Structure formats: C-alpha cells, structure tokens
C-alpha cells in the first residue's frame, strides 16, 4: 500500500475528511483531532498495512506508523484534507473542545511547553552527538590522529549544537511562552557572553553561562511575560521601539542578578542529585529507573527529563540517565521476540517482524502500541527486561553525549561502548525470558 493509499484509508476510518479537524505528526505518529471520536473505526485502523498501532490520547487520536512513514503519510493526509471542504462547526466539535479543555491540566500543559522548547533541537543533538561519538571511537583505535586537521574540524561540527545550545533554547523558549523568539535568543546571549567574565559589580566577576539551560528557560519565560505586559501598557506609536528595549534591559538585569543565580542553584542541584543517586545507589537505582520508564513514556512524563539530560550534558559532557532509560526499549525488543516465537497469529508475527528493526534502532512506539501493551503481560516482561539492562548501565555509570536517540545507535555516543552493548544484550535476554515465563493470551487469527 502506498503512503497515499494508506492516508486515504486512514481518513476513511477516522470518519471521513469532514470528521477531521487537524492532522500533524511527531517522529513516529500521525496525531489527529476529530469532531466525533465515535465515528473512528479503531479495529479497522489497527489492521491497515503500515499501521503498527493506535492510541487514544484524549485530546487527540494517534496512529503509530514509524519514523519517516509518519511524516510522509501525514503529508498525504493533509493534502487530501486540503482538497475537501472544512468540517462544519456543530455539537460534536463542542464536545471535542470540552474534552481538550478537560485534558489541558497545568501539568500536561507544562510538559507540552517543555517538549515545544526542546523537540526542535533533537535533530541537532543527534547529528552532533553521533559525530562526537564516531570521533571518540576513531581516536580510541588510532590515538595518533588527535592532531589531524580533519579530526579537529569534525570536532567543531560535533560540538556546534552544544556551543550554541543556550541561544537555541532561549529562542525556542520565548516562542513557546508567547514572546518574540529573537528577544529570547538575545537574553540567552547576554547570559552566556564571554565578556561577562570581565564585569565585577558585586565584588566578584560575573560567570558566563551560569545555570545553563535552566537559567535560560527561566529568563526567556520571564522576558516573554514582561513583553506581553508591555504591549498592553506602552502606546502603539512607541511599542516598536520601547517594548524590546525595556524587555531586554529589565529581563537582562533580572537574569544577571536574580534568575541566573537561581537557575545555577537549580541546575547544580539537578546534576548533583542525578549523579549522587546513581553513584550511591548503583545497579538498584538503574533497575528501578529503567523498569519504570515505559509506563512513564506512555503517560508523557518523559518530556520532563529532556532538560535534565541537556543540563547533565552541559555540566559533565554526557548524561548518565539516557543509557539507563534506553534499556527500556531494549527490554521491549526482547519481549517482542518472545511474542514472535510464541504466537500462532500470523498478523501478530508480521507486526512484530516489521516493528523489530526500528525497535532495535531505538524507536519503540510501534512495539509498544502494536505488540506489548495490547497483549498486557509482554509489556510487563519488557519493563523487567529494561530493568536488568538499566542495572548494568548504572553499575558502570555509562554516559551518553547526546539525546534524542536510543537503542543500538546510542552506543557510538557513549563513553563505554562495550558495557552499553552488554546492557542492551542483558535487556534483550531478560525481556525475552520474562515474557516467555509470563506468557500471554494469544489473539485469535
């Protein structure tokens, strides 16, 4: 089935174009908002060729398609929708609006804002992290290349996203909080400007970049709030000039003397808490964190850890949390393999076979929603498998120099590739054995 044909079938089973308000996608899912969810043919969607699973997220309905395919199918869906007239506004739309309002809790809205800040940065982290990882592997094999011009040039490439990270975060954070993005970038630049080290106001030289991305998010949020207030009180004829000027001056001063020190305290506490917990708790902490990760991902709580990963990379050059949490996906691979060999359902076997390769590459949604979670016990087996792998990663304090990737590709960015791969294998085996022992109700053909 081509992407265009699949898009047409999806629209039909979502109740037709007139029932779809909007369609968007993330890395692996088509996310749609509909007028009436009762019109969605859920079972028919599940068996479409190319669909790995479906998930009702309350405010939206999600269809798991996998990386790359999600983007292509969503583009085709929107192209078809653009050729149809817009849906009528009626009672069903009112009901859906009420559902969205009910799901718009402060916690969910906060996590959505956090995701909005950091999700656009992930491709940069992936590219630069992999470049850094490949350079690290190369130098371990041939240390004499450390002064080679090309190695030095590629090192600049690998460090680029981290060098400009505060600027990117400031720009995105201001945008997410409703301010002018470039003003967020300017405030971030003020906080990280190297010339701050030559300024002595309180008896000590100021510290450029103190507080890292935590401080930047705080300042960008404050700047956006201030800017919106100023738009309301400054006369329109002066708004173009005075609003950005006052925003930069007031928010910039607040950044240097209040928000940057506060952010520094928060970021230092986060770094100390994460490293102390893993260094002191070792394998036990890794076991618990990795074992709980899959349920947290399904509830969307995983978004809150993105700034923590970024902060750890900023402070220490790597995040010791990501390798631990990545084992949850590896445990799911092992669980899915057990399902493949145990089931007699041909469609389920086909689903597992198609989702396993991307699962091993760190894209777990097709396996979660298409295999382990619907079956129940294999999901528990996947959590158990991840827990054992997480214990290995925590025991040896394996760190990763990037975020946004998982599975086998993450190995190249870690500071201990053999141990990371050992943890992956442990998760595969433990997830397989746990699922085999727990068993599951094999669905009928």
Protein backbone atom coordinates (compact mmCIF):
# COMPACT_ATOMS: atom_id res chain seq x y z
CA UNK A 1 0.00 0.00 0.00
CA UNK A 2 1.43 3.39 -0.98
CA UNK A 3 1.53 6.24 1.51
CA UNK A 4 -1.20 8.00 -0.46
CA UNK A 5 -3.45 4.92 -0.35
CA UNK A 6 -2.77 4.44 3.35
CA UNK A 7 -3.62 8.09 4.01
CA UNK A 8 -6.93 7.69 2.18
CA UNK A 9 -7.78 4.54 4.18
CA UNK A 10 -6.88 6.25 7.44
CA UNK A 11 -9.11 9.24 6.63
CA UNK A 12 -11.99 6.91 5.75
CA UNK A 13 -11.65 5.01 9.04
CA UNK A 14 -11.38 8.24 11.02
CA UNK A 15 -14.91 9.06 9.92
CA UNK A 16 -14.06 10.86 6.71
CA UNK A 17 -12.42 14.19 5.98
CA UNK A 18 -15.39 16.07 7.43
CA UNK A 19 -14.68 14.50 10.84
CA UNK A 20 -11.01 15.58 10.98
CA UNK A 21 -10.14 18.95 12.45
CA UNK A 22 -6.35 18.76 12.10
CA UNK A 23 -3.55 16.31 11.38
CA UNK A 24 0.07 16.59 12.47
CA UNK A 25 2.90 14.22 13.23
CA UNK A 26 5.82 13.65 15.54
CA UNK A 27 8.71 11.31 14.79
CA UNK A 28 6.62 8.12 14.72
CA UNK A 29 2.92 9.02 14.95
CA UNK A 30 0.14 10.66 12.99
CA UNK A 31 -1.76 12.81 15.50
CA UNK A 32 -5.29 13.84 14.59
CA UNK A 33 -8.04 15.81 16.27
CA UNK A 34 -11.55 14.74 15.30
CA UNK A 35 -15.02 16.18 15.78
CA UNK A 36 -16.62 12.91 16.88
CA UNK A 37 -14.49 10.01 18.15
CA UNK A 38 -17.46 7.68 17.94
CA UNK A 39 -17.03 7.72 14.17
CA UNK A 40 -13.49 6.30 14.36
CA UNK A 41 -13.25 2.67 13.23
CA UNK A 42 -10.49 1.69 15.65
CA UNK A 43 -10.36 -2.01 14.78
CA UNK A 44 -10.21 -1.27 11.06
CA UNK A 45 -7.33 1.16 11.59
CA UNK A 46 -5.35 -1.42 13.56
CA UNK A 47 -5.27 -3.92 10.71
CA UNK A 48 -4.26 -1.49 7.97
CA UNK A 49 -0.99 -2.40 6.32
CA UNK A 50 1.65 0.03 7.62
CA UNK A 51 -0.15 0.84 10.89
CA UNK A 52 1.68 -0.51 13.95
CA UNK A 53 -0.93 0.51 16.49
CA UNK A 54 -3.36 3.21 17.63
CA UNK A 55 -3.67 5.19 20.85
CA UNK A 56 -6.44 7.41 22.19
CA UNK A 57 -4.59 10.25 23.94
CA UNK A 58 -7.75 12.13 24.94
CA UNK A 59 -7.27 15.44 23.16
CA UNK A 60 -6.07 13.66 20.03
CA UNK A 61 -6.10 10.25 18.38
CA UNK A 62 -2.69 8.83 17.50
CA UNK A 63 -1.80 6.33 14.79
CA UNK A 64 1.65 4.75 15.11
CA UNK A 65 3.36 4.47 11.73
CA UNK A 66 7.08 4.56 12.48
CA UNK A 67 9.89 7.00 11.59
CA UNK A 68 9.80 8.55 8.15
CA UNK A 69 6.46 6.97 7.29
CA UNK A 70 4.68 9.14 9.86
CA UNK A 71 5.83 12.29 8.08
CA UNK A 72 5.03 11.03 4.59
CA UNK A 73 1.57 9.72 5.47
CA UNK A 74 0.71 12.89 7.41
CA UNK A 75 1.66 14.99 4.39
CA UNK A 76 -0.62 12.85 2.24
CA UNK A 77 -3.44 13.12 4.78
CA UNK A 78 -3.18 16.91 4.84
CA UNK A 79 -3.05 17.05 1.06
CA UNK A 80 -6.30 15.06 0.86
CA UNK A 81 -7.90 17.17 3.59
CA UNK A 82 -6.97 20.38 1.76
CA UNK A 83 -8.99 19.18 -1.23
CA UNK A 84 -12.11 18.75 0.90
CA UNK A 85 -14.26 21.42 2.41
CA UNK A 86 -13.72 22.28 6.05
CA UNK A 87 -15.92 20.46 8.58
CA UNK A 88 -18.99 22.17 9.90
CA UNK A 89 -18.94 23.53 13.41
CA UNK A 90 -21.54 21.81 15.48
CA UNK A 91 -22.30 19.88 18.64
CA UNK A 92 -19.58 17.27 18.04
CA UNK A 93 -16.93 19.99 17.81
CA UNK A 94 -18.19 21.49 21.05
CA UNK A 95 -17.88 18.11 22.75
CA UNK A 96 -14.32 17.68 21.50
CA UNK A 97 -13.44 21.18 22.70
CA UNK A 98 -14.70 20.23 26.15
CA UNK A 99 -12.60 17.06 26.10
CA UNK A 100 -9.49 19.03 25.12
CA UNK A 101 -10.16 21.54 27.90
CA UNK A 102 -10.55 18.71 30.40
CA UNK A 103 -7.21 17.23 29.35
CA UNK A 104 -5.45 20.61 29.44
CA UNK A 105 -4.29 20.23 33.04
CA UNK A 106 -1.46 22.51 34.26
CA UNK A 107 0.93 19.56 34.38
CA UNK A 108 0.15 18.44 30.81
CA UNK A 109 0.37 21.99 29.51
CA UNK A 110 3.73 22.45 31.22
CA UNK A 111 5.09 19.24 29.71
CA UNK A 112 3.79 20.33 26.31
CA UNK A 113 5.71 23.59 26.64
CA UNK A 114 8.88 21.75 27.65
CA UNK A 115 8.53 19.50 24.61
CA UNK A 116 7.98 22.54 22.42
CA UNK A 117 11.26 24.03 23.58
CA UNK A 118 13.50 21.00 23.18
CA UNK A 119 11.90 18.82 20.49
CA UNK A 120 13.09 21.08 17.62
CA UNK A 121 16.67 20.71 18.92
CA UNK A 122 16.75 16.92 18.83
CA UNK A 123 17.97 16.54 15.19
CA UNK A 124 20.92 18.78 16.09
CA UNK A 125 21.72 16.72 19.17
CA UNK A 126 21.54 13.52 17.16
CA UNK A 127 23.82 14.77 14.37
CA UNK A 128 26.40 16.37 16.64
CA UNK A 129 26.29 13.54 19.18
CA UNK A 130 26.92 10.91 16.52
CA UNK A 131 29.78 12.92 15.04
CA UNK A 132 31.33 13.23 18.51
CA UNK A 133 30.82 9.52 19.12
CA UNK A 134 32.44 8.49 15.84
CA UNK A 135 35.42 10.75 16.57
CA UNK A 136 35.74 9.19 20.02
CA UNK A 137 35.75 5.67 18.58
CA UNK A 138 38.26 6.70 15.89
CA UNK A 139 40.67 8.17 18.44
CA UNK A 140 40.46 5.07 20.62
CA UNK A 141 41.53 2.99 17.62
CA UNK A 142 44.11 5.50 16.32
CA UNK A 143 45.17 7.96 19.07
CA UNK A 144 47.83 9.46 16.78
CA UNK A 145 45.04 11.17 14.78
CA UNK A 146 44.20 13.53 17.64
CA UNK A 147 46.00 16.46 15.97
CA UNK A 148 44.81 15.70 12.44
CA UNK A 149 43.15 18.78 10.84
CA UNK A 150 40.07 16.83 9.74
CA UNK A 151 39.56 15.42 13.25
CA UNK A 152 39.79 18.94 14.66
CA UNK A 153 37.32 20.23 12.07
CA UNK A 154 34.83 17.43 12.75
CA UNK A 155 35.22 18.08 16.48
CA UNK A 156 33.93 21.58 15.83
CA UNK A 157 30.97 20.05 13.96
CA UNK A 158 30.27 17.71 16.86
CA UNK A 159 30.38 20.48 19.44
CA UNK A 160 28.33 23.01 17.46
CA UNK A 161 24.90 22.30 18.97
CA UNK A 162 26.30 22.47 22.50
CA UNK A 163 28.21 25.69 21.76
CA UNK A 164 25.01 27.38 20.58
CA UNK A 165 22.60 25.48 22.83
CA UNK A 166 21.67 28.37 25.13
CA UNK A 167 20.84 30.56 22.14
CA UNK A 168 18.65 27.88 20.59
CA UNK A 169 16.87 27.22 23.89
CA UNK A 170 16.34 30.92 24.53
CA UNK A 171 14.84 31.43 21.07
CA UNK A 172 12.51 28.41 21.35
CA UNK A 173 11.52 29.14 24.95
CA UNK A 174 10.49 32.71 24.17
CA UNK A 175 8.44 31.42 21.25
CA UNK A 176 6.73 28.76 23.36
CA UNK A 177 5.90 31.22 26.16
CA UNK A 178 4.39 33.72 23.72
CA UNK A 179 7.21 36.23 23.37
CA UNK A 180 9.34 37.35 20.45
CA UNK A 181 11.79 34.48 19.76
CA UNK A 182 14.77 36.66 18.90
CA UNK A 183 14.48 38.51 22.21
CA UNK A 184 14.75 35.16 23.99
CA UNK A 185 17.86 34.49 21.95
CA UNK A 186 19.29 37.89 22.85
CA UNK A 187 18.69 37.33 26.57
CA UNK A 188 20.39 33.93 26.31
CA UNK A 189 23.32 35.55 24.51
CA UNK A 190 23.65 38.14 27.28
CA UNK A 191 23.80 35.40 29.90
CA UNK A 192 26.46 33.41 28.04
CA UNK A 193 28.54 36.28 26.65
CA UNK A 194 32.24 35.65 27.46
CA UNK A 195 32.76 39.37 28.26
CA UNK A 196 30.69 38.89 31.45
CA UNK A 197 33.81 37.39 32.99
CA UNK A 198 35.39 40.88 32.89
CA UNK A 199 32.49 42.55 34.75
CA UNK A 200 32.79 42.97 38.53
CA UNK A 201 29.79 44.56 40.23
CA UNK A 202 29.23 42.64 43.48
CA UNK A 203 32.89 42.09 44.35
CA UNK A 204 33.22 39.00 42.15
CA UNK A 205 33.44 38.65 38.40
CA UNK A 206 30.24 37.51 36.74
CA UNK A 207 30.15 33.94 35.47
CA UNK A 208 29.11 33.48 31.80
CA UNK A 209 26.62 30.70 31.24
CA UNK A 210 25.91 30.05 34.90
CA UNK A 211 22.85 27.87 35.37
CA UNK A 212 22.94 26.59 31.79
CA UNK A 213 19.66 25.91 30.07
CA UNK A 214 17.64 26.08 33.32
CA UNK A 215 18.54 29.75 33.69
CA UNK A 216 17.86 30.37 30.02
CA UNK A 217 14.35 28.89 30.23
CA UNK A 218 13.59 30.97 33.35
CA UNK A 219 14.81 34.19 31.75
CA UNK A 220 13.08 33.54 28.42
CA UNK A 221 9.80 32.83 30.22
CA UNK A 222 10.12 36.00 32.29
CA UNK A 223 11.06 38.03 29.21
CA UNK A 224 8.04 36.73 27.29
CA UNK A 225 5.72 37.54 30.20
CA UNK A 226 7.18 41.04 30.52
CA UNK A 227 6.97 41.67 26.78
CA UNK A 228 3.26 40.77 26.69
CA UNK A 229 2.58 43.12 29.62
CA UNK A 230 4.48 45.95 27.93
CA UNK A 231 2.50 45.54 24.71
CA UNK A 232 -0.63 46.36 26.72
CA UNK A 233 0.64 49.47 28.51
CA UNK A 234 3.00 51.13 26.02
CA UNK A 235 1.28 53.34 23.42
CA UNK A 236 1.22 51.81 19.96
CA UNK A 237 3.32 54.58 18.41
CA UNK A 238 6.19 53.74 20.79
CA UNK A 239 5.63 49.99 21.07
CA UNK A 240 8.03 49.00 18.29
CA UNK A 241 10.93 50.77 20.00
CA UNK A 242 10.23 50.73 23.72
CA UNK A 243 8.90 47.20 24.20
CA UNK A 244 12.01 45.30 23.01
CA UNK A 245 14.30 47.85 24.67
CA UNK A 246 12.62 47.62 28.08
CA UNK A 247 12.28 43.84 27.78
CA UNK A 248 15.98 43.35 27.15
CA UNK A 249 17.07 45.83 29.84
CA UNK A 250 14.71 44.66 32.59
CA UNK A 251 14.80 40.94 31.84
CA UNK A 252 18.56 41.12 31.23
CA UNK A 253 19.18 42.69 34.63
CA UNK A 254 16.83 40.20 36.27
CA UNK A 255 18.76 37.45 34.53
CA UNK A 256 22.18 38.56 35.78
CA UNK A 257 21.24 39.34 39.37
CA UNK A 258 18.29 37.03 40.16
CA UNK A 259 17.33 34.38 37.63
CA UNK A 260 20.82 33.25 36.63
CA UNK A 261 21.92 32.61 40.24
CA UNK A 262 18.59 30.87 40.91
CA UNK A 263 18.94 28.76 37.78
CA UNK A 264 22.51 27.96 38.75
CA UNK A 265 21.38 26.62 42.10
CA UNK A 266 18.66 24.54 40.45
CA UNK A 267 20.92 23.12 37.75
CA UNK A 268 23.69 22.30 40.22
CA UNK A 269 21.13 20.53 42.42
CA UNK A 270 19.82 18.54 39.46
CA UNK A 271 23.29 17.46 38.41
CA UNK A 272 24.30 16.56 41.96
CA UNK A 273 21.06 14.66 42.62
CA UNK A 274 21.30 12.59 39.44
CA UNK A 275 24.96 11.70 39.79
CA UNK A 276 24.74 11.05 43.55
CA UNK A 277 21.67 8.82 43.18
CA UNK A 278 23.32 6.67 40.52
CA UNK A 279 26.80 6.64 42.07
CA UNK A 280 25.48 5.74 45.52
CA UNK A 281 22.55 3.54 44.52
CA UNK A 282 24.30 1.92 41.58
CA UNK A 283 22.57 -1.03 39.98
CA UNK A 284 19.49 -0.79 42.21
CA UNK A 285 18.73 2.77 41.08
CA UNK A 286 19.27 1.82 37.45
CA UNK A 287 16.97 -1.19 37.87
CA UNK A 288 14.12 0.97 39.20
CA UNK A 289 14.55 3.83 36.72
CA UNK A 290 14.67 1.62 33.63
CA UNK A 291 11.88 -0.63 34.91
CA UNK A 292 9.52 2.33 35.36
CA UNK A 293 10.41 4.11 32.14
CA UNK A 294 7.95 2.54 29.66
CA UNK A 295 4.86 3.44 31.74
CA UNK A 296 6.21 6.97 32.19
CA UNK A 297 6.68 7.30 28.44
CA UNK A 298 3.08 6.26 27.83
CA UNK A 299 1.86 8.93 30.27
CA UNK A 300 4.03 11.56 28.57
CA UNK A 301 6.09 12.26 31.70
CA UNK A 302 9.32 11.50 29.81
CA UNK A 303 9.25 15.01 28.32
CA UNK A 304 10.14 16.46 31.72
CA UNK A 305 13.53 14.72 31.66
CA UNK A 306 14.69 16.31 28.41
CA UNK A 307 16.02 19.49 30.05
CA UNK A 308 17.70 17.33 32.71
CA UNK A 309 19.55 15.38 30.00
CA UNK A 310 20.58 18.66 28.37
CA UNK A 311 21.75 20.08 31.69
CA UNK A 312 23.81 16.98 32.50
CA UNK A 313 25.47 17.13 29.08
CA UNK A 314 26.16 20.81 29.61
CA UNK A 315 27.74 20.23 33.04
CA UNK A 316 29.54 16.92 32.59
CA UNK A 317 29.75 16.35 28.84
CA UNK A 318 27.32 13.40 28.98
CA UNK A 319 24.08 12.25 30.55
CA UNK A 320 24.23 9.13 32.72
CA UNK A 321 20.44 8.88 32.70
CA UNK A 322 19.90 8.25 29.00
CA UNK A 323 21.77 4.91 28.72
CA UNK A 324 19.80 3.64 31.72
CA UNK A 325 16.43 4.69 30.33
CA UNK A 326 17.31 3.44 26.84
CA UNK A 327 17.31 -0.10 28.23
CA UNK A 328 13.51 0.03 28.49
CA UNK A 329 13.35 -0.06 24.70
CA UNK A 330 15.86 -2.91 24.58
CA UNK A 331 13.75 -4.90 27.05
CA UNK A 332 10.80 -4.39 24.76
CA UNK A 333 12.75 -5.84 21.83
CA UNK A 334 13.40 -9.00 23.84
CA UNK A 335 9.74 -9.20 24.85
CA UNK A 336 8.64 -8.80 21.23
CA UNK A 337 10.97 -11.60 20.09
CA UNK A 338 9.37 -13.88 22.68
CA UNK A 339 5.94 -12.94 21.35
CA UNK A 340 7.08 -13.71 17.80
CA UNK A 341 8.17 -17.24 18.67
CA UNK A 342 5.24 -17.95 20.99
CA UNK A 343 2.29 -16.64 18.98
CA UNK A 344 0.47 -18.57 16.30
CA UNK A 345 -1.23 -15.44 14.98
CA UNK A 346 0.20 -14.64 11.53
CA UNK A 347 -0.78 -10.97 11.65
CA UNK A 348 0.88 -10.53 15.03
CA UNK A 349 4.03 -12.23 13.75
CA UNK A 350 4.06 -9.84 10.80
CA UNK A 351 3.58 -6.85 13.12
CA UNK A 352 6.50 -7.92 15.31
CA UNK A 353 8.75 -8.59 12.32
CA UNK A 354 8.07 -5.16 10.84
CA UNK A 355 8.48 -3.29 14.13
CA UNK A 356 11.58 -5.07 15.45
CA UNK A 357 14.19 -3.35 13.23
CA UNK A 358 13.08 0.14 14.22
CA UNK A 359 12.74 -1.05 17.81
CA UNK A 360 16.38 -2.08 17.84
CA UNK A 361 17.21 1.35 16.43
CA UNK A 362 15.52 2.95 19.44
CA UNK A 363 12.05 3.76 18.05
CA UNK A 364 9.80 1.90 20.45
CA UNK A 365 6.27 3.15 19.75
CA UNK A 366 5.41 0.54 17.10
CA UNK A 367 6.32 -2.25 19.53
CA UNK A 368 4.58 -0.61 22.49
CA UNK A 369 1.25 0.10 20.83
CA UNK A 370 1.29 -2.66 18.24
CA UNK A 371 2.59 -5.59 20.30
CA UNK A 372 3.47 -5.47 24.01
CA UNK A 373 0.91 -3.10 25.51
CA UNK A 374 -2.19 -4.56 23.80
CA UNK A 375 -1.11 -8.05 24.95
CA UNK A 376 -0.60 -6.94 28.56
CA UNK A 377 1.89 -9.37 30.09
CA UNK A 378 4.58 -8.82 27.42
CA UNK A 379 4.57 -5.15 28.43
CA UNK A 380 5.43 -6.22 31.97
CA UNK A 381 8.11 -8.51 30.55
CA UNK A 382 9.55 -5.57 28.61
CA UNK A 383 9.72 -3.49 31.81
CA UNK A 384 11.52 -6.33 33.60
CA UNK A 385 13.98 -6.70 30.74
CA UNK A 386 14.70 -2.97 30.73
CA UNK A 387 15.23 -3.00 34.49
CA UNK A 388 18.06 -5.56 34.28
CA UNK A 389 19.76 -3.65 31.47
CA UNK A 390 19.39 -0.40 33.40
CA UNK A 391 21.12 -2.01 36.37
CA UNK A 392 24.14 -2.75 34.14
CA UNK A 393 24.34 0.81 32.82
CA UNK A 394 24.06 2.34 36.31
CA UNK A 395 26.58 -0.06 37.82
CA UNK A 396 29.27 1.16 35.41
CA UNK A 397 27.96 4.78 35.16
CA UNK A 398 27.77 4.72 31.37
CA UNK A 399 27.16 8.19 29.92
CA UNK A 400 25.95 9.40 26.50
CA UNK A 401 26.97 12.63 24.78
CA UNK A 402 23.65 13.19 23.02
CA UNK A 403 19.89 12.78 23.36
CA UNK A 404 17.02 12.02 21.04
CA UNK A 405 18.32 8.58 20.06
CA UNK A 406 18.28 5.23 21.78
CA UNK A 407 18.85 1.56 21.04
CA UNK A 408 21.91 0.47 19.09
CA UNK A 409 22.68 3.91 17.54
CA UNK A 410 23.23 5.36 21.02
CA UNK A 411 26.24 3.08 21.52
CA UNK A 412 28.54 5.25 19.39
CA UNK A 413 27.90 8.28 21.63
CA UNK A 414 28.58 6.55 24.96
CA UNK A 415 31.78 6.66 26.98
CA UNK A 416 31.85 2.88 27.37
CA UNK A 417 30.59 1.15 24.23
CA UNK A 418 31.25 -2.48 25.32
CA UNK A 419 29.36 -2.07 28.60
CA UNK A 420 26.50 -0.24 26.89
CA UNK A 421 26.13 -3.08 24.38
CA UNK A 422 26.35 -5.59 27.24
CA UNK A 423 23.41 -3.84 28.88
CA UNK A 424 21.46 -3.99 25.63
CA UNK A 425 22.04 -7.73 25.34
CA UNK A 426 21.08 -8.24 29.00
CA UNK A 427 17.83 -6.36 28.36
CA UNK A 428 17.12 -8.43 25.25
CA UNK A 429 17.61 -11.70 27.14
CA UNK A 430 15.79 -10.64 30.32
CA UNK A 431 12.86 -9.23 28.35
CA UNK A 432 12.63 -12.43 26.31
CA UNK A 433 12.76 -14.74 29.35
CA UNK A 434 10.33 -12.66 31.41
CA UNK A 435 7.78 -12.60 28.60
CA UNK A 436 8.24 -16.29 27.85
CA UNK A 437 7.64 -17.17 31.50
CA UNK A 438 4.71 -14.76 31.99
CA UNK A 439 3.05 -15.81 28.75
CA UNK A 440 0.05 -14.04 27.19
CA UNK A 441 -3.35 -14.73 25.68
CA UNK A 442 -2.63 -15.40 22.04
CA UNK A 443 -5.17 -13.45 19.95
CA UNK A 444 -7.29 -15.41 17.53
CA UNK A 445 -6.43 -15.37 13.82
